[in-house]
Amino acid sequence: MRYVEIETISFTDIIGNQYPVKEMREYPVYQTLFEIKIEDGDYIDEIASRPQVFGEGSEDQAYLIFEHNIVAIAEADWDLSKIKKLRIPAQNLT
């Protein structure tokens, strides 16, 4: 549902083929509830389902953690092993 309202635009590649893509989306700003240390092999969806984070069955809330840490994740070239801590957002916006 996060992407339904985002405008679809056309992307034209170097050959001239056009593809429908979604316009860039602004990431919401969350308040940080706490930080959690990340270990090698941790996955954001597994972290989201931990009891102290969002609880069992909350893997679908991983996007909140991802969005709240998007700058750090991008700066680490999408490699979570380069990140020491993740910020956990204070509110669950679903």
PDB file of N, CA and C in Angstrom:
ATOM      1  N   MET A   1       0.805  -1.193   0.000  1.00  0.00           N
ATOM      2  CA  MET A   1       0.000   0.000   0.000  1.00  0.00           C
ATOM      3  C   MET A   1       0.852   1.263   0.000  1.00  0.00           C
ATOM      4  N   ARG A   2       2.101   1.183   0.450  1.00  0.00           N
ATOM      5  CA  ARG A   2       2.949   2.371   0.515  1.00  0.00           C
ATOM      6  C   ARG A   2       3.181   2.972  -0.856  1.00  0.00           C
ATOM      7  N   TYR A   3       3.114   2.162  -1.902  1.00  0.00           N
ATOM      8  CA  TYR A   3       3.488   2.633  -3.225  1.00  0.00           C
ATOM      9  C   TYR A   3       2.300   2.898  -4.146  1.00  0.00           C
ATOM     10  N   VAL A   4       1.095   2.588  -3.727  1.00  0.00           N
ATOM     11  CA  VAL A   4      -0.075   2.713  -4.582  1.00  0.00           C
ATOM     12  C   VAL A   4      -0.280   4.157  -5.026  1.00  0.00           C
ATOM     13  N   GLU A   5      -0.130   5.101  -4.128  1.00  0.00           N
ATOM     14  CA  GLU A   5      -0.403   6.501  -4.441  1.00  0.00           C
ATOM     15  C   GLU A   5       0.748   7.201  -5.153  1.00  0.00           C
ATOM     16  N   ILE A   6       1.875   6.536  -5.314  1.00  0.00           N
ATOM     17  CA  ILE A   6       3.022   7.156  -5.975  1.00  0.00           C
ATOM     18  C   ILE A   6       2.802   7.128  -7.480  1.00  0.00           C
ATOM     19  N   GLU A   7       3.050   8.265  -8.103  1.00  0.00           N
ATOM     20  CA  GLU A   7       2.826   8.416  -9.538  1.00  0.00           C
ATOM     21  C   GLU A   7       3.710   7.461 -10.345  1.00  0.00           C
ATOM     22  N   THR A   8       3.142   6.882 -11.387  1.00  0.00           N
ATOM     23  CA  THR A   8       3.900   6.060 -12.325  1.00  0.00           C
ATOM     24  C   THR A   8       4.374   6.962 -13.450  1.00  0.00           C
ATOM     25  N   ILE A   9       5.666   6.886 -13.763  1.00  0.00           N
ATOM     26  CA  ILE A   9       6.248   7.688 -14.833  1.00  0.00           C
ATOM     27  C   ILE A   9       6.906   6.749 -15.840  1.00  0.00           C
ATOM     28  N   SER A  10       7.299   7.279 -16.979  1.00  0.00           N
ATOM     29  CA  SER A  10       7.974   6.470 -17.992  1.00  0.00           C
ATOM     30  C   SER A  10       9.471   6.683 -17.904  1.00  0.00           C
ATOM     31  N   PHE A  11      10.199   5.591 -17.979  1.00  0.00           N
ATOM     32  CA  PHE A  11      11.656   5.625 -18.046  1.00  0.00           C
ATOM     33  C   PHE A  11      12.048   5.164 -19.445  1.00  0.00           C
ATOM     34  N   THR A  12      12.881   5.936 -20.114  1.00  0.00           N
ATOM     35  CA  THR A  12      13.348   5.578 -21.446  1.00  0.00           C
ATOM     36  C   THR A  12      14.814   5.186 -21.350  1.00  0.00           C
ATOM     37  N   ASP A  13      15.128   3.954 -21.763  1.00  0.00           N
ATOM     38  CA  ASP A  13      16.522   3.507 -21.712  1.00  0.00           C
ATOM     39  C   ASP A  13      17.304   4.058 -22.895  1.00  0.00           C
ATOM     40  N   ILE A  14      18.581   3.734 -22.954  1.00  0.00           N
ATOM     41  CA  ILE A  14      19.490   4.263 -23.969  1.00  0.00           C
ATOM     42  C   ILE A  14      19.088   3.856 -25.387  1.00  0.00           C
ATOM     43  N   ILE A  15      18.379   2.749 -25.516  1.00  0.00           N
ATOM     44  CA  ILE A  15      17.953   2.262 -26.829  1.00  0.00           C
ATOM     45  C   ILE A  15      16.626   2.903 -27.253  1.00  0.00           C
ATOM     46  N   GLY A  16      15.926   3.508 -26.299  1.00  0.00           N
ATOM     47  CA  GLY A  16      14.650   4.136 -26.609  1.00  0.00           C
ATOM     48  C   GLY A  16      13.446   3.357 -26.106  1.00  0.00           C
ATOM     49  N   ASN A  17      13.681   2.219 -25.455  1.00  0.00           N
ATOM     50  CA  ASN A  17      12.573   1.451 -24.877  1.00  0.00           C
ATOM     51  C   ASN A  17      12.027   2.198 -23.670  1.00  0.00           C
ATOM     52  N   GLN A  18      10.708   2.233 -23.542  1.00  0.00           N
ATOM     53  CA  GLN A  18      10.082   2.892 -22.404  1.00  0.00           C
ATOM     54  C   GLN A  18       9.523   1.860 -21.432  1.00  0.00           C
ATOM     55  N   TYR A  19       9.694   2.160 -20.131  1.00  0.00           N
ATOM     56  CA  TYR A  19       9.224   1.276 -19.071  1.00  0.00           C
ATOM     57  C   TYR A  19       8.471   2.104 -18.038  1.00  0.00           C
ATOM     58  N   PRO A  20       7.327   1.598 -17.546  1.00  0.00           N
ATOM     59  CA  PRO A  20       6.642   2.312 -16.463  1.00  0.00           C
ATOM     60  C   PRO A  20       7.350   2.032 -15.135  1.00  0.00           C
ATOM     61  N   VAL A  21       7.672   3.073 -14.406  1.00  0.00           N
ATOM     62  CA  VAL A  21       8.316   2.947 -13.097  1.00  0.00           C
ATOM     63  C   VAL A  21       7.627   3.910 -12.135  1.00  0.00           C
ATOM     64  N   LYS A  22       7.792   3.662 -10.869  1.00  0.00           N
ATOM     65  CA  LYS A  22       7.232   4.549  -9.857  1.00  0.00           C
ATOM     66  C   LYS A  22       8.186   5.719  -9.618  1.00  0.00           C
ATOM     67  N   GLU A  23       7.623   6.882  -9.413  1.00  0.00           N
ATOM     68  CA  GLU A  23       8.384   8.078  -9.065  1.00  0.00           C
ATOM     69  C   GLU A  23       9.080   7.835  -7.725  1.00  0.00           C
ATOM     70  N   MET A  24      10.123   8.583  -7.431  1.00  0.00           N
ATOM     71  CA  MET A  24      10.829   8.446  -6.147  1.00  0.00           C
ATOM     72  C   MET A  24       9.868   8.726  -4.999  1.00  0.00           C
ATOM     73  N   ARG A  25      10.026   7.981  -3.944  1.00  0.00           N
ATOM     74  CA  ARG A  25       9.178   8.108  -2.764  1.00  0.00           C
ATOM     75  C   ARG A  25       9.964   8.754  -1.645  1.00  0.00           C
ATOM     76  N   GLU A  26       9.340   9.704  -0.960  1.00  0.00           N
ATOM     77  CA  GLU A  26       9.949  10.317   0.219  1.00  0.00           C
ATOM     78  C   GLU A  26       9.823   9.342   1.390  1.00  0.00           C
ATOM     79  N   TYR A  27      10.914   9.133   2.105  1.00  0.00           N
ATOM     80  CA  TYR A  27      10.852   8.271   3.282  1.00  0.00           C
ATOM     81  C   TYR A  27      10.372   9.077   4.479  1.00  0.00           C
ATOM     82  N   PRO A  28       9.453   8.514   5.267  1.00  0.00           N
ATOM     83  CA  PRO A  28       8.980   9.233   6.452  1.00  0.00           C
ATOM     84  C   PRO A  28      10.090   9.377   7.494  1.00  0.00           C
ATOM     85  N   VAL A  29       9.924  10.331   8.372  1.00  0.00           N
ATOM     86  CA  VAL A  29      10.862  10.529   9.478  1.00  0.00           C
ATOM     87  C   VAL A  29      10.245   9.894  10.713  1.00  0.00           C
ATOM     88  N   TYR A  30      10.993   9.022  11.361  1.00  0.00           N
ATOM     89  CA  TYR A  30      10.529   8.337  12.565  1.00  0.00           C
ATOM     90  C   TYR A  30      11.354   8.810  13.757  1.00  0.00           C
ATOM     91  N   GLN A  31      10.783   8.704  14.935  1.00  0.00           N
ATOM     92  CA  GLN A  31      11.551   8.908  16.152  1.00  0.00           C
ATOM     93  C   GLN A  31      12.173   7.569  16.525  1.00  0.00           C
ATOM     94  N   THR A  32      13.363   7.618  17.101  1.00  0.00           N
ATOM     95  CA  THR A  32      14.056   6.397  17.496  1.00  0.00           C
ATOM     96  C   THR A  32      13.626   5.986  18.892  1.00  0.00           C
ATOM     97  N   LEU A  33      13.142   4.757  19.006  1.00  0.00           N
ATOM     98  CA  LEU A  33      12.782   4.198  20.311  1.00  0.00           C
ATOM     99  C   LEU A  33      14.034   3.703  21.020  1.00  0.00           C
ATOM    100  N   PHE A  34      14.862   2.956  20.293  1.00  0.00           N
ATOM    101  CA  PHE A  34      16.140   2.466  20.818  1.00  0.00           C
ATOM    102  C   PHE A  34      16.994   1.986  19.655  1.00  0.00           C
ATOM    103  N   GLU A  35      18.229   1.660  19.944  1.00  0.00           N
ATOM    104  CA  GLU A  35      19.139   1.085  18.951  1.00  0.00           C
ATOM    105  C   GLU A  35      19.407  -0.357  19.326  1.00  0.00           C
ATOM    106  N   ILE A  36      19.634  -1.170  18.311  1.00  0.00           N
ATOM    107  CA  ILE A  36      19.920  -2.583  18.536  1.00  0.00           C
ATOM    108  C   ILE A  36      21.208  -2.936  17.803  1.00  0.00           C
ATOM    109  N   LYS A  37      22.065  -3.678  18.491  1.00  0.00           N
ATOM    110  CA  LYS A  37      23.316  -4.121  17.879  1.00  0.00           C
ATOM    111  C   LYS A  37      22.995  -5.164  16.818  1.00  0.00           C
ATOM    112  N   ILE A  38      23.646  -5.057  15.685  1.00  0.00           N
ATOM    113  CA  ILE A  38      23.422  -6.010  14.599  1.00  0.00           C
ATOM    114  C   ILE A  38      24.644  -6.917  14.490  1.00  0.00           C
ATOM    115  N   GLU A  39      24.379  -8.199  14.387  1.00  0.00           N
ATOM    116  CA  GLU A  39      25.436  -9.212  14.286  1.00  0.00           C
ATOM    117  C   GLU A  39      25.496  -9.721  12.847  1.00  0.00           C
ATOM    118  N   ASP A  40      26.652 -10.270  12.458  1.00  0.00           N
ATOM    119  CA  ASP A  40      26.755 -10.889  11.134  1.00  0.00           C
ATOM    120  C   ASP A  40      25.675 -11.953  10.988  1.00  0.00           C
ATOM    121  N   GLY A  41      24.989 -11.949   9.869  1.00  0.00           N
ATOM    122  CA  GLY A  41      23.949 -12.931   9.619  1.00  0.00           C
ATOM    123  C   GLY A  41      22.556 -12.486  10.026  1.00  0.00           C
ATOM    124  N   ASP A  42      22.441 -11.339  10.725  1.00  0.00           N
ATOM    125  CA  ASP A  42      21.120 -10.830  11.086  1.00  0.00           C
ATOM    126  C   ASP A  42      20.413 -10.296   9.844  1.00  0.00           C
ATOM    127  N   TYR A  43      19.118 -10.486   9.818  1.00  0.00           N
ATOM    128  CA  TYR A  43      18.276  -9.951   8.748  1.00  0.00           C
ATOM    129  C   TYR A  43      17.265  -8.997   9.372  1.00  0.00           C
ATOM    130  N   ILE A  44      16.917  -7.954   8.644  1.00  0.00           N
ATOM    131  CA  ILE A  44      16.016  -6.949   9.187  1.00  0.00           C
ATOM    132  C   ILE A  44      14.654  -7.542   9.526  1.00  0.00           C
ATOM    133  N   ASP A  45      14.141  -8.460   8.711  1.00  0.00           N
ATOM    134  CA  ASP A  45      12.832  -9.043   9.025  1.00  0.00           C
ATOM    135  C   ASP A  45      12.875  -9.893  10.295  1.00  0.00           C
ATOM    136  N   GLU A  46      13.999 -10.548  10.532  1.00  0.00           N
ATOM    137  CA  GLU A  46      14.149 -11.334  11.761  1.00  0.00           C
ATOM    138  C   GLU A  46      14.239 -10.401  12.959  1.00  0.00           C
ATOM    139  N   ILE A  47      14.939  -9.297  12.811  1.00  0.00           N
ATOM    140  CA  ILE A  47      15.049  -8.312  13.893  1.00  0.00           C
ATOM    141  C   ILE A  47      13.665  -7.750  14.220  1.00  0.00           C
ATOM    142  N   ALA A  48      12.876  -7.440  13.184  1.00  0.00           N
ATOM    143  CA  ALA A  48      11.523  -6.888  13.393  1.00  0.00           C
ATOM    144  C   ALA A  48      10.650  -7.830  14.208  1.00  0.00           C
ATOM    145  N   SER A  49      10.845  -9.142  14.063  1.00  0.00           N
ATOM    146  CA  SER A  49       9.985 -10.118  14.748  1.00  0.00           C
ATOM    147  C   SER A  49      10.459 -10.468  16.159  1.00  0.00           C
ATOM    148  N   ARG A  50      11.543  -9.862  16.598  1.00  0.00           N
ATOM    149  CA  ARG A  50      12.016 -10.134  17.959  1.00  0.00           C
ATOM    150  C   ARG A  50      11.041  -9.551  18.982  1.00  0.00           C
ATOM    151  N   PRO A  51      10.902 -10.215  20.136  1.00  0.00           N
ATOM    152  CA  PRO A  51       9.946  -9.740  21.150  1.00  0.00           C
ATOM    153  C   PRO A  51      10.173  -8.294  21.590  1.00  0.00           C
ATOM    154  N   GLN A  52      11.432  -7.873  21.695  1.00  0.00           N
ATOM    155  CA  GLN A  52      11.717  -6.510  22.165  1.00  0.00           C
ATOM    156  C   GLN A  52      11.576  -5.465  21.062  1.00  0.00           C
ATOM    157  N   VAL A  53      11.351  -5.900  19.824  1.00  0.00           N
ATOM    158  CA  VAL A  53      11.194  -4.955  18.714  1.00  0.00           C
ATOM    159  C   VAL A  53       9.699  -4.860  18.407  1.00  0.00           C
ATOM    160  N   PHE A  54       9.181  -5.556  17.391  1.00  0.00           N
ATOM    161  CA  PHE A  54       7.750  -5.490  17.072  1.00  0.00           C
ATOM    162  C   PHE A  54       7.008  -6.759  17.471  1.00  0.00           C
ATOM    163  N   GLY A  55       7.728  -7.817  17.786  1.00  0.00           N
ATOM    164  CA  GLY A  55       7.101  -9.042  18.257  1.00  0.00           C
ATOM    165  C   GLY A  55       6.922 -10.102  17.190  1.00  0.00           C
ATOM    166  N   GLU A  56       6.575 -11.292  17.652  1.00  0.00           N
ATOM    167  CA  GLU A  56       6.402 -12.452  16.776  1.00  0.00           C
ATOM    168  C   GLU A  56       5.400 -12.160  15.662  1.00  0.00           C
ATOM    169  N   GLY A  57       5.736 -12.590  14.449  1.00  0.00           N
ATOM    170  CA  GLY A  57       4.854 -12.409  13.307  1.00  0.00           C
ATOM    171  C   GLY A  57       4.910 -11.024  12.684  1.00  0.00           C
ATOM    172  N   SER A  58       5.869 -10.220  13.074  1.00  0.00           N
ATOM    173  CA  SER A  58       5.952  -8.842  12.577  1.00  0.00           C
ATOM    174  C   SER A  58       6.997  -8.655  11.485  1.00  0.00           C
ATOM    175  N   GLU A  59       7.327  -9.723  10.798  1.00  0.00           N
ATOM    176  CA  GLU A  59       8.327  -9.614   9.734  1.00  0.00           C
ATOM    177  C   GLU A  59       7.921  -8.577   8.682  1.00  0.00           C
ATOM    178  N   ASP A  60       6.613  -8.439   8.464  1.00  0.00           N
ATOM    179  CA  ASP A  60       6.145  -7.475   7.464  1.00  0.00           C
ATOM    180  C   ASP A  60       6.360  -6.025   7.891  1.00  0.00           C
ATOM    181  N   GLN A  61       6.785  -5.800   9.124  1.00  0.00           N
ATOM    182  CA  GLN A  61       7.086  -4.450   9.608  1.00  0.00           C
ATOM    183  C   GLN A  61       8.563  -4.093   9.424  1.00  0.00           C
ATOM    184  N   ALA A  62       9.324  -4.982   8.801  1.00  0.00           N
ATOM    185  CA  ALA A  62      10.754  -4.739   8.597  1.00  0.00           C
ATOM    186  C   ALA A  62      11.006  -3.459   7.807  1.00  0.00           C
ATOM    187  N   TYR A  63      10.073  -3.087   6.941  1.00  0.00           N
ATOM    188  CA  TYR A  63      10.270  -1.877   6.144  1.00  0.00           C
ATOM    189  C   TYR A  63      10.420  -0.639   7.031  1.00  0.00           C
ATOM    190  N   LEU A  64       9.794  -0.636   8.227  1.00  0.00           N
ATOM    191  CA  LEU A  64       9.934   0.500   9.137  1.00  0.00           C
ATOM    192  C   LEU A  64      11.382   0.657   9.590  1.00  0.00           C
ATOM    193  N   ILE A  65      12.015  -0.458   9.911  1.00  0.00           N
ATOM    194  CA  ILE A  65      13.429  -0.429  10.320  1.00  0.00           C
ATOM    195  C   ILE A  65      14.291  -0.024   9.127  1.00  0.00           C
ATOM    196  N   PHE A  66      13.995  -0.600   7.963  1.00  0.00           N
ATOM    197  CA  PHE A  66      14.749  -0.268   6.752  1.00  0.00           C
ATOM    198  C   PHE A  66      14.655   1.230   6.462  1.00  0.00           C
ATOM    199  N   GLU A  67      13.438   1.770   6.441  1.00  0.00           N
ATOM    200  CA  GLU A  67      13.264   3.191   6.136  1.00  0.00           C
ATOM    201  C   GLU A  67      13.954   4.080   7.165  1.00  0.00           C
ATOM    202  N   HIS A  68      13.892   3.689   8.428  1.00  0.00           N
ATOM    203  CA  HIS A  68      14.492   4.496   9.492  1.00  0.00           C
ATOM    204  C   HIS A  68      16.025   4.491   9.415  1.00  0.00           C
ATOM    205  N   ASN A  69      16.583   3.490   8.750  1.00  0.00           N
ATOM    206  CA  ASN A  69      18.040   3.349   8.644  1.00  0.00           C
ATOM    207  C   ASN A  69      18.533   3.459   7.209  1.00  0.00           C
ATOM    208  N   ILE A  70      17.725   3.996   6.303  1.00  0.00           N
ATOM    209  CA  ILE A  70      18.034   3.997   4.882  1.00  0.00           C
ATOM    210  C   ILE A  70      19.375   4.664   4.571  1.00  0.00           C
ATOM    211  N   VAL A  71      19.714   5.745   5.235  1.00  0.00           N
ATOM    212  CA  VAL A  71      20.972   6.438   4.949  1.00  0.00           C
ATOM    213  C   VAL A  71      22.153   5.541   5.315  1.00  0.00           C
ATOM    214  N   ALA A  72      22.145   4.960   6.500  1.00  0.00           N
ATOM    215  CA  ALA A  72      23.241   4.080   6.928  1.00  0.00           C
ATOM    216  C   ALA A  72      23.354   2.862   6.026  1.00  0.00           C
ATOM    217  N   ILE A  73      22.230   2.294   5.632  1.00  0.00           N
ATOM    218  CA  ILE A  73      22.247   1.109   4.771  1.00  0.00           C
ATOM    219  C   ILE A  73      22.803   1.452   3.396  1.00  0.00           C
ATOM    220  N   ALA A  74      22.382   2.572   2.835  1.00  0.00           N
ATOM    221  CA  ALA A  74      22.893   2.997   1.525  1.00  0.00           C
ATOM    222  C   ALA A  74      24.381   3.312   1.595  1.00  0.00           C
ATOM    223  N   GLU A  75      24.808   3.987   2.662  1.00  0.00           N
ATOM    224  CA  GLU A  75      26.228   4.316   2.812  1.00  0.00           C
ATOM    225  C   GLU A  75      27.085   3.060   2.984  1.00  0.00           C
ATOM    226  N   ALA A  76      26.493   1.977   3.472  1.00  0.00           N
ATOM    227  CA  ALA A  76      27.200   0.699   3.629  1.00  0.00           C
ATOM    228  C   ALA A  76      27.087  -0.149   2.363  1.00  0.00           C
ATOM    229  N   ASP A  77      26.637   0.467   1.271  1.00  0.00           N
ATOM    230  CA  ASP A  77      26.460  -0.237  -0.001  1.00  0.00           C
ATOM    231  C   ASP A  77      25.533  -1.438   0.142  1.00  0.00           C
ATOM    232  N   TRP A  78      24.498  -1.287   0.954  1.00  0.00           N
ATOM    233  CA  TRP A  78      23.459  -2.302   1.145  1.00  0.00           C
ATOM    234  C   TRP A  78      23.983  -3.573   1.811  1.00  0.00           C
ATOM    235  N   ASP A  79      25.139  -3.474   2.462  1.00  0.00           N
ATOM    236  CA  ASP A  79      25.773  -4.603   3.137  1.00  0.00           C
ATOM    237  C   ASP A  79      25.583  -4.450   4.644  1.00  0.00           C
ATOM    238  N   LEU A  80      24.640  -5.199   5.225  1.00  0.00           N
ATOM    239  CA  LEU A  80      24.352  -5.068   6.655  1.00  0.00           C
ATOM    240  C   LEU A  80      25.534  -5.450   7.543  1.00  0.00           C
ATOM    241  N   SER A  81      26.455  -6.236   7.014  1.00  0.00           N
ATOM    242  CA  SER A  81      27.616  -6.620   7.834  1.00  0.00           C
ATOM    243  C   SER A  81      28.514  -5.422   8.132  1.00  0.00           C
ATOM    244  N   LYS A  82      28.351  -4.331   7.401  1.00  0.00           N
ATOM    245  CA  LYS A  82      29.140  -3.120   7.627  1.00  0.00           C
ATOM    246  C   LYS A  82      28.493  -2.192   8.657  1.00  0.00           C
ATOM    247  N   ILE A  83      27.310  -2.552   9.139  1.00  0.00           N
ATOM    248  CA  ILE A  83      26.577  -1.714  10.082  1.00  0.00           C
ATOM    249  C   ILE A  83      26.652  -2.339  11.464  1.00  0.00           C
ATOM    250  N   LYS A  84      26.961  -1.540  12.469  1.00  0.00           N
ATOM    251  CA  LYS A  84      27.100  -2.034  13.841  1.00  0.00           C
ATOM    252  C   LYS A  84      25.775  -2.003  14.603  1.00  0.00           C
ATOM    253  N   LYS A  85      24.931  -0.966  14.340  1.00  0.00           N
ATOM    254  CA  LYS A  85      23.666  -0.809  15.056  1.00  0.00           C
ATOM    255  C   LYS A  85      22.580  -0.357  14.092  1.00  0.00           C
ATOM    256  N   LEU A  86      21.359  -0.745  14.402  1.00  0.00           N
ATOM    257  CA  LEU A  86      20.193  -0.261  13.679  1.00  0.00           C
ATOM    258  C   LEU A  86      19.309   0.508  14.646  1.00  0.00           C
ATOM    259  N   ARG A  87      18.743   1.602  14.169  1.00  0.00           N
ATOM    260  CA  ARG A  87      17.789   2.354  14.985  1.00  0.00           C
ATOM    261  C   ARG A  87      16.396   1.749  14.779  1.00  0.00           C
ATOM    262  N   ILE A  88      15.695   1.524  15.875  1.00  0.00           N
ATOM    263  CA  ILE A  88      14.350   0.972  15.833  1.00  0.00           C
ATOM    264  C   ILE A  88      13.378   2.136  15.998  1.00  0.00           C
ATOM    265  N   PRO A  89      12.432   2.271  15.039  1.00  0.00           N
ATOM    266  CA  PRO A  89      11.506   3.399  15.110  1.00  0.00           C
ATOM    267  C   PRO A  89      10.516   3.254  16.250  1.00  0.00           C
ATOM    268  N   ALA A  90      10.128   4.399  16.817  1.00  0.00           N
ATOM    269  CA  ALA A  90       9.234   4.426  17.980  1.00  0.00           C
ATOM    270  C   ALA A  90       7.803   4.092  17.656  1.00  0.00           C
ATOM    271  N   GLN A  91       7.380   4.329  16.431  1.00  0.00           N
ATOM    272  CA  GLN A  91       5.982   4.065  16.139  1.00  0.00           C
ATOM    273  C   GLN A  91       5.817   3.104  14.996  1.00  0.00           C
ATOM    274  N   ASN A  92       4.821   2.295  15.114  1.00  0.00           N
ATOM    275  CA  ASN A  92       4.451   1.341  14.082  1.00  0.00           C
ATOM    276  C   ASN A  92       3.311   1.984  13.309  1.00  0.00           C
ATOM    277  N   LEU A  93       3.563   2.387  12.054  1.00  0.00           N
ATOM    278  CA  LEU A  93       2.608   3.181  11.307  1.00  0.00           C
ATOM    279  C   LEU A  93       1.644   2.378  10.463  1.00  0.00           C
ATOM    280  N   THR A  94       1.460   1.100  10.721  1.00  0.00           N
ATOM    281  CA  THR A  94       0.545   0.320   9.890  1.00  0.00           C
ATOM    282  C   THR A  94      -0.864   0.454  10.390  1.00  0.00           C
TER     283      THR A  94
END
